[in-house]
Amino acid sequence: MEIPGTIIVLFLISRVSRLKILMGGNILSGVSLLLITLITNGNVRIFLASLGLVGMAISFPTVYLYSCEVFPTVVRNIGIGLGSTSARIGSIIAPFIATMVIYDAYYMYTLTNVSIMK
């Protein structure tokens, strides 16, 4: 589902503001993934999950382009490297946090909230 999102970014990047593309991709993925919790139909849930993946695929390349414009030249490499490292660490830890629900949901929510507060 990353190819449709990347194609959408390629068409929109020169026509629309990068911030609007980033906000649109994040809102699309956030709303569709939140709606999964409310919908019980399996086909609709698969569609919403795919839509969320397309939104993430829209946001991911846009973040790299937008962050190059936001950071000053002196700290650009540090800022982009730190953001990339944080994203990779988050993707490594995410499956472990998801499996914590099996043991106790309290630990998962506590760990998630502590990581957000830092």
N, C-alpha and C. Protein backbone atom coordinates (compact mmCIF):
# COMPACT_ATOMS: atom_id res chain seq x y z
N MET A 1 0.81 -1.19 0.00
CA MET A 1 0.00 0.00 0.00
C MET A 1 0.86 1.27 0.00
N GLU A 2 2.16 1.09 -0.06
CA GLU A 2 3.02 2.27 -0.06
C GLU A 2 3.13 2.90 -1.44
N ILE A 3 2.94 2.11 -2.48
CA ILE A 3 3.08 2.65 -3.83
C ILE A 3 1.99 3.70 -4.14
N PRO A 4 0.70 3.47 -3.81
CA PRO A 4 -0.28 4.53 -4.08
C PRO A 4 0.01 5.82 -3.31
N GLY A 5 0.46 5.70 -2.06
CA GLY A 5 0.78 6.89 -1.28
C GLY A 5 1.95 7.66 -1.86
N THR A 6 2.95 6.94 -2.33
CA THR A 6 4.11 7.60 -2.93
C THR A 6 3.74 8.26 -4.25
N ILE A 7 2.89 7.63 -5.02
CA ILE A 7 2.44 8.24 -6.29
C ILE A 7 1.63 9.50 -6.00
N ILE A 8 0.79 9.47 -4.98
CA ILE A 8 0.02 10.67 -4.60
C ILE A 8 0.97 11.80 -4.21
N VAL A 9 2.02 11.48 -3.45
CA VAL A 9 2.99 12.50 -3.05
C VAL A 9 3.69 13.07 -4.27
N LEU A 10 4.06 12.22 -5.22
CA LEU A 10 4.74 12.70 -6.42
C LEU A 10 3.89 13.70 -7.20
N PHE A 11 2.60 13.46 -7.27
CA PHE A 11 1.72 14.39 -7.98
C PHE A 11 1.45 15.67 -7.19
N LEU A 12 1.35 15.57 -5.87
CA LEU A 12 0.96 16.73 -5.06
C LEU A 12 2.13 17.60 -4.61
N ILE A 13 3.34 17.08 -4.59
CA ILE A 13 4.45 17.78 -3.95
C ILE A 13 4.76 19.13 -4.60
N SER A 14 4.56 19.25 -5.89
CA SER A 14 4.86 20.52 -6.55
C SER A 14 3.63 21.41 -6.65
N ARG A 15 2.47 20.91 -6.31
CA ARG A 15 1.23 21.68 -6.46
C ARG A 15 0.66 22.18 -5.13
N VAL A 16 0.94 21.45 -4.05
CA VAL A 16 0.35 21.76 -2.74
C VAL A 16 1.49 21.94 -1.74
N SER A 17 1.23 22.70 -0.72
CA SER A 17 2.22 22.92 0.34
C SER A 17 2.59 21.59 1.01
N ARG A 18 3.86 21.44 1.36
CA ARG A 18 4.31 20.21 2.00
C ARG A 18 3.65 20.02 3.36
N LEU A 19 3.41 21.11 4.06
CA LEU A 19 2.75 21.01 5.35
C LEU A 19 1.33 20.49 5.21
N LYS A 20 0.62 20.94 4.18
CA LYS A 20 -0.75 20.46 3.95
C LYS A 20 -0.76 18.98 3.58
N ILE A 21 0.21 18.55 2.79
CA ILE A 21 0.30 17.13 2.45
C ILE A 21 0.58 16.31 3.69
N LEU A 22 1.48 16.78 4.53
CA LEU A 22 1.83 16.08 5.76
C LEU A 22 0.64 16.00 6.71
N MET A 23 -0.05 17.11 6.88
CA MET A 23 -1.23 17.11 7.75
C MET A 23 -2.32 16.20 7.19
N GLY A 24 -2.53 16.25 5.88
CA GLY A 24 -3.54 15.41 5.27
C GLY A 24 -3.24 13.93 5.42
N GLY A 25 -1.99 13.54 5.21
CA GLY A 25 -1.61 12.14 5.38
C GLY A 25 -1.77 11.67 6.82
N ASN A 26 -1.37 12.51 7.77
CA ASN A 26 -1.50 12.13 9.18
C ASN A 26 -2.96 12.06 9.62
N ILE A 27 -3.77 13.00 9.16
CA ILE A 27 -5.20 12.97 9.51
C ILE A 27 -5.87 11.76 8.87
N LEU A 28 -5.54 11.47 7.61
CA LEU A 28 -6.12 10.31 6.93
C LEU A 28 -5.79 9.02 7.66
N SER A 29 -4.54 8.84 8.02
CA SER A 29 -4.17 7.61 8.71
C SER A 29 -4.73 7.57 10.12
N GLY A 30 -4.72 8.68 10.83
CA GLY A 30 -5.23 8.69 12.20
C GLY A 30 -6.72 8.41 12.28
N VAL A 31 -7.49 9.07 11.43
CA VAL A 31 -8.95 8.87 11.45
C VAL A 31 -9.31 7.46 11.02
N SER A 32 -8.66 6.97 9.98
CA SER A 32 -9.02 5.62 9.51
C SER A 32 -8.63 4.56 10.53
N LEU A 33 -7.51 4.73 11.20
CA LEU A 33 -7.11 3.74 12.20
C LEU A 33 -7.94 3.84 13.48
N LEU A 34 -8.43 5.03 13.80
CA LEU A 34 -9.34 5.15 14.94
C LEU A 34 -10.72 4.56 14.62
N LEU A 35 -11.14 4.67 13.37
CA LEU A 35 -12.43 4.09 12.99
C LEU A 35 -12.42 2.57 13.02
N ILE A 36 -11.25 1.97 12.92
CA ILE A 36 -11.16 0.51 12.99
C ILE A 36 -11.71 0.00 14.32
N THR A 37 -11.51 0.78 15.38
CA THR A 37 -11.98 0.34 16.69
C THR A 37 -13.49 0.36 16.80
N LEU A 38 -14.17 1.14 15.95
CA LEU A 38 -15.62 1.25 16.02
C LEU A 38 -16.35 0.30 15.07
N ILE A 39 -15.70 -0.11 14.00
CA ILE A 39 -16.33 -0.92 12.96
C ILE A 39 -16.12 -2.40 13.27
N THR A 40 -17.16 -3.21 13.06
CA THR A 40 -17.04 -4.64 13.31
C THR A 40 -16.98 -5.46 12.02
N ASN A 41 -17.39 -4.89 10.90
CA ASN A 41 -17.36 -5.60 9.63
C ASN A 41 -15.91 -5.81 9.19
N GLY A 42 -15.55 -7.05 8.87
CA GLY A 42 -14.17 -7.38 8.53
C GLY A 42 -13.67 -6.72 7.27
N ASN A 43 -14.51 -6.65 6.23
CA ASN A 43 -14.08 -6.04 4.97
C ASN A 43 -13.84 -4.55 5.12
N VAL A 44 -14.68 -3.89 5.88
CA VAL A 44 -14.51 -2.45 6.11
C VAL A 44 -13.26 -2.19 6.94
N ARG A 45 -12.99 -3.06 7.89
CA ARG A 45 -11.78 -2.90 8.71
C ARG A 45 -10.51 -3.05 7.87
N ILE A 46 -10.53 -3.99 6.94
CA ILE A 46 -9.38 -4.16 6.05
C ILE A 46 -9.21 -2.93 5.17
N PHE A 47 -10.32 -2.39 4.67
CA PHE A 47 -10.25 -1.17 3.86
C PHE A 47 -9.70 0.00 4.67
N LEU A 48 -10.17 0.15 5.90
CA LEU A 48 -9.68 1.25 6.75
C LEU A 48 -8.21 1.08 7.10
N ALA A 49 -7.78 -0.16 7.32
CA ALA A 49 -6.36 -0.39 7.60
C ALA A 49 -5.51 -0.05 6.37
N SER A 50 -6.01 -0.41 5.19
CA SER A 50 -5.29 -0.07 3.96
C SER A 50 -5.24 1.43 3.75
N LEU A 51 -6.34 2.10 4.06
CA LEU A 51 -6.39 3.56 3.95
C LEU A 51 -5.42 4.20 4.93
N GLY A 52 -5.30 3.64 6.13
CA GLY A 52 -4.33 4.14 7.10
C GLY A 52 -2.91 3.96 6.62
N LEU A 53 -2.64 2.83 5.97
CA LEU A 53 -1.29 2.62 5.41
C LEU A 53 -0.99 3.58 4.29
N VAL A 54 -1.98 3.91 3.47
CA VAL A 54 -1.78 4.89 2.41
C VAL A 54 -1.48 6.26 3.02
N GLY A 55 -2.20 6.63 4.09
CA GLY A 55 -1.93 7.89 4.76
C GLY A 55 -0.52 7.95 5.32
N MET A 56 -0.05 6.84 5.89
CA MET A 56 1.32 6.80 6.39
C MET A 56 2.33 6.88 5.25
N ALA A 57 1.99 6.24 4.13
CA ALA A 57 2.88 6.29 2.97
C ALA A 57 2.93 7.69 2.37
N ILE A 58 1.88 8.47 2.56
CA ILE A 58 1.89 9.87 2.12
C ILE A 58 2.76 10.70 3.06
N SER A 59 2.65 10.44 4.34
CA SER A 59 3.37 11.24 5.34
C SER A 59 4.87 10.99 5.35
N PHE A 60 5.29 9.74 5.15
CA PHE A 60 6.69 9.38 5.34
C PHE A 60 7.64 10.14 4.40
N PRO A 61 7.44 10.14 3.07
CA PRO A 61 8.38 10.90 2.24
C PRO A 61 8.25 12.41 2.41
N THR A 62 7.06 12.85 2.78
CA THR A 62 6.84 14.28 2.96
C THR A 62 7.59 14.80 4.17
N VAL A 63 7.70 13.97 5.21
CA VAL A 63 8.43 14.38 6.41
C VAL A 63 9.89 14.64 6.09
N TYR A 64 10.49 13.79 5.27
CA TYR A 64 11.89 14.00 4.91
C TYR A 64 12.08 15.29 4.09
N LEU A 65 11.18 15.55 3.17
CA LEU A 65 11.30 16.77 2.38
C LEU A 65 11.04 18.01 3.22
N TYR A 66 10.04 17.94 4.08
CA TYR A 66 9.66 19.09 4.90
C TYR A 66 10.72 19.39 5.96
N SER A 67 11.29 18.34 6.55
CA SER A 67 12.30 18.58 7.59
C SER A 67 13.57 19.19 7.02
N CYS A 68 13.88 18.91 5.77
CA CYS A 68 15.04 19.56 5.13
C CYS A 68 14.83 21.06 5.00
N GLU A 69 13.59 21.48 4.87
CA GLU A 69 13.30 22.90 4.74
C GLU A 69 13.18 23.59 6.10
N VAL A 70 12.80 22.85 7.13
CA VAL A 70 12.54 23.45 8.44
C VAL A 70 13.83 23.67 9.22
N PHE A 71 14.73 22.69 9.22
CA PHE A 71 15.96 22.80 10.01
C PHE A 71 16.95 23.74 9.33
N PRO A 72 17.64 24.57 10.11
CA PRO A 72 18.71 25.38 9.54
C PRO A 72 19.86 24.50 9.05
N THR A 73 20.67 25.02 8.19
CA THR A 73 21.74 24.24 7.55
C THR A 73 22.71 23.65 8.57
N VAL A 74 22.99 24.38 9.63
CA VAL A 74 24.00 23.95 10.60
C VAL A 74 23.56 22.67 11.32
N VAL A 75 22.29 22.53 11.64
CA VAL A 75 21.81 21.38 12.41
C VAL A 75 20.95 20.43 11.58
N ARG A 76 20.94 20.60 10.27
CA ARG A 76 20.06 19.79 9.42
C ARG A 76 20.40 18.30 9.51
N ASN A 77 21.67 17.95 9.43
CA ASN A 77 22.05 16.53 9.49
C ASN A 77 21.71 15.92 10.84
N ILE A 78 21.93 16.67 11.91
CA ILE A 78 21.62 16.16 13.25
C ILE A 78 20.12 15.97 13.41
N GLY A 79 19.32 16.94 12.96
CA GLY A 79 17.87 16.86 13.10
C GLY A 79 17.27 15.71 12.31
N ILE A 80 17.69 15.57 11.07
CA ILE A 80 17.14 14.49 10.24
C ILE A 80 17.64 13.14 10.73
N GLY A 81 18.88 13.06 11.16
CA GLY A 81 19.41 11.80 11.69
C GLY A 81 18.72 11.38 12.97
N LEU A 82 18.47 12.35 13.86
CA LEU A 82 17.78 12.04 15.11
C LEU A 82 16.34 11.59 14.85
N GLY A 83 15.67 12.27 13.93
CA GLY A 83 14.30 11.86 13.58
C GLY A 83 14.25 10.48 12.96
N SER A 84 15.20 10.19 12.08
CA SER A 84 15.25 8.88 11.45
C SER A 84 15.57 7.79 12.46
N THR A 85 16.48 8.07 13.37
CA THR A 85 16.82 7.10 14.41
C THR A 85 15.64 6.84 15.33
N SER A 86 14.92 7.89 15.70
CA SER A 86 13.75 7.73 16.56
C SER A 86 12.66 6.90 15.87
N ALA A 87 12.48 7.12 14.58
CA ALA A 87 11.49 6.35 13.83
C ALA A 87 11.88 4.88 13.76
N ARG A 88 13.15 4.61 13.58
CA ARG A 88 13.60 3.21 13.50
C ARG A 88 13.47 2.52 14.86
N ILE A 89 13.80 3.22 15.92
CA ILE A 89 13.67 2.63 17.26
C ILE A 89 12.19 2.37 17.57
N GLY A 90 11.34 3.31 17.19
CA GLY A 90 9.90 3.11 17.40
C GLY A 90 9.36 1.91 16.63
N SER A 91 9.85 1.72 15.41
CA SER A 91 9.38 0.57 14.64
C SER A 91 9.94 -0.75 15.18
N ILE A 92 11.06 -0.71 15.85
CA ILE A 92 11.60 -1.92 16.47
C ILE A 92 10.81 -2.27 17.73
N ILE A 93 10.45 -1.26 18.52
CA ILE A 93 9.79 -1.48 19.80
C ILE A 93 8.29 -1.77 19.64
N ALA A 94 7.66 -1.29 18.58
CA ALA A 94 6.21 -1.40 18.41
C ALA A 94 5.67 -2.83 18.52
N PRO A 95 6.27 -3.84 17.92
CA PRO A 95 5.72 -5.19 18.08
C PRO A 95 5.76 -5.70 19.52
N PHE A 96 6.77 -5.30 20.27
CA PHE A 96 6.86 -5.74 21.66
C PHE A 96 5.78 -5.07 22.51
N ILE A 97 5.50 -3.81 22.23
CA ILE A 97 4.44 -3.12 22.96
C ILE A 97 3.08 -3.71 22.62
N ALA A 98 2.88 -4.08 21.35
CA ALA A 98 1.60 -4.67 20.94
C ALA A 98 1.36 -6.02 21.61
N THR A 99 2.42 -6.78 21.85
CA THR A 99 2.24 -8.08 22.50
C THR A 99 2.07 -7.97 24.01
N MET A 100 2.29 -6.80 24.57
CA MET A 100 2.12 -6.63 26.01
C MET A 100 0.66 -6.70 26.43
N VAL A 101 -0.26 -6.54 25.48
CA VAL A 101 -1.69 -6.61 25.80
C VAL A 101 -2.04 -8.01 26.30
N ILE A 102 -1.32 -9.01 25.82
CA ILE A 102 -1.57 -10.39 26.24
C ILE A 102 -1.37 -10.53 27.74
N TYR A 103 -0.35 -9.87 28.27
CA TYR A 103 -0.04 -10.01 29.68
C TYR A 103 -0.87 -9.09 30.54
N ASP A 104 -0.82 -7.81 30.24
CA ASP A 104 -1.61 -6.85 31.01
C ASP A 104 -1.66 -5.54 30.23
N ALA A 105 -2.85 -5.06 29.97
CA ALA A 105 -3.00 -3.83 29.19
C ALA A 105 -2.46 -2.63 29.95
N TYR A 106 -2.43 -2.70 31.26
CA TYR A 106 -1.94 -1.58 32.07
C TYR A 106 -0.50 -1.25 31.72
N TYR A 107 0.34 -2.27 31.54
CA TYR A 107 1.74 -2.04 31.23
C TYR A 107 1.91 -1.37 29.86
N MET A 108 1.10 -1.80 28.90
CA MET A 108 1.20 -1.23 27.57
C MET A 108 0.85 0.27 27.59
N TYR A 109 -0.25 0.60 28.24
CA TYR A 109 -0.66 2.01 28.28
C TYR A 109 0.31 2.85 29.10
N THR A 110 0.83 2.30 30.17
CA THR A 110 1.81 3.03 30.98
C THR A 110 3.08 3.30 30.18
N LEU A 111 3.58 2.29 29.48
CA LEU A 111 4.79 2.45 28.70
C LEU A 111 4.58 3.44 27.56
N THR A 112 3.44 3.37 26.92
CA THR A 112 3.13 4.31 25.83
C THR A 112 3.05 5.73 26.34
N ASN A 113 2.39 5.96 27.46
CA ASN A 113 2.25 7.30 28.01
C ASN A 113 3.58 7.84 28.51
N VAL A 114 4.41 7.01 29.09
CA VAL A 114 5.72 7.47 29.56
C VAL A 114 6.58 7.87 28.38
N SER A 115 6.52 7.10 27.29
CA SER A 115 7.34 7.45 26.12
C SER A 115 6.84 8.72 25.45
N ILE A 116 5.56 9.00 25.51
CA ILE A 116 5.03 10.23 24.93
C ILE A 116 5.42 11.44 25.78
N MET A 117 5.45 11.27 27.09
CA MET A 117 5.73 12.38 27.99
C MET A 117 7.18 12.83 27.92
N LYS A 118 8.08 11.98 27.46
CA LYS A 118 9.49 12.36 27.38
C LYS A 118 9.69 13.23 26.23
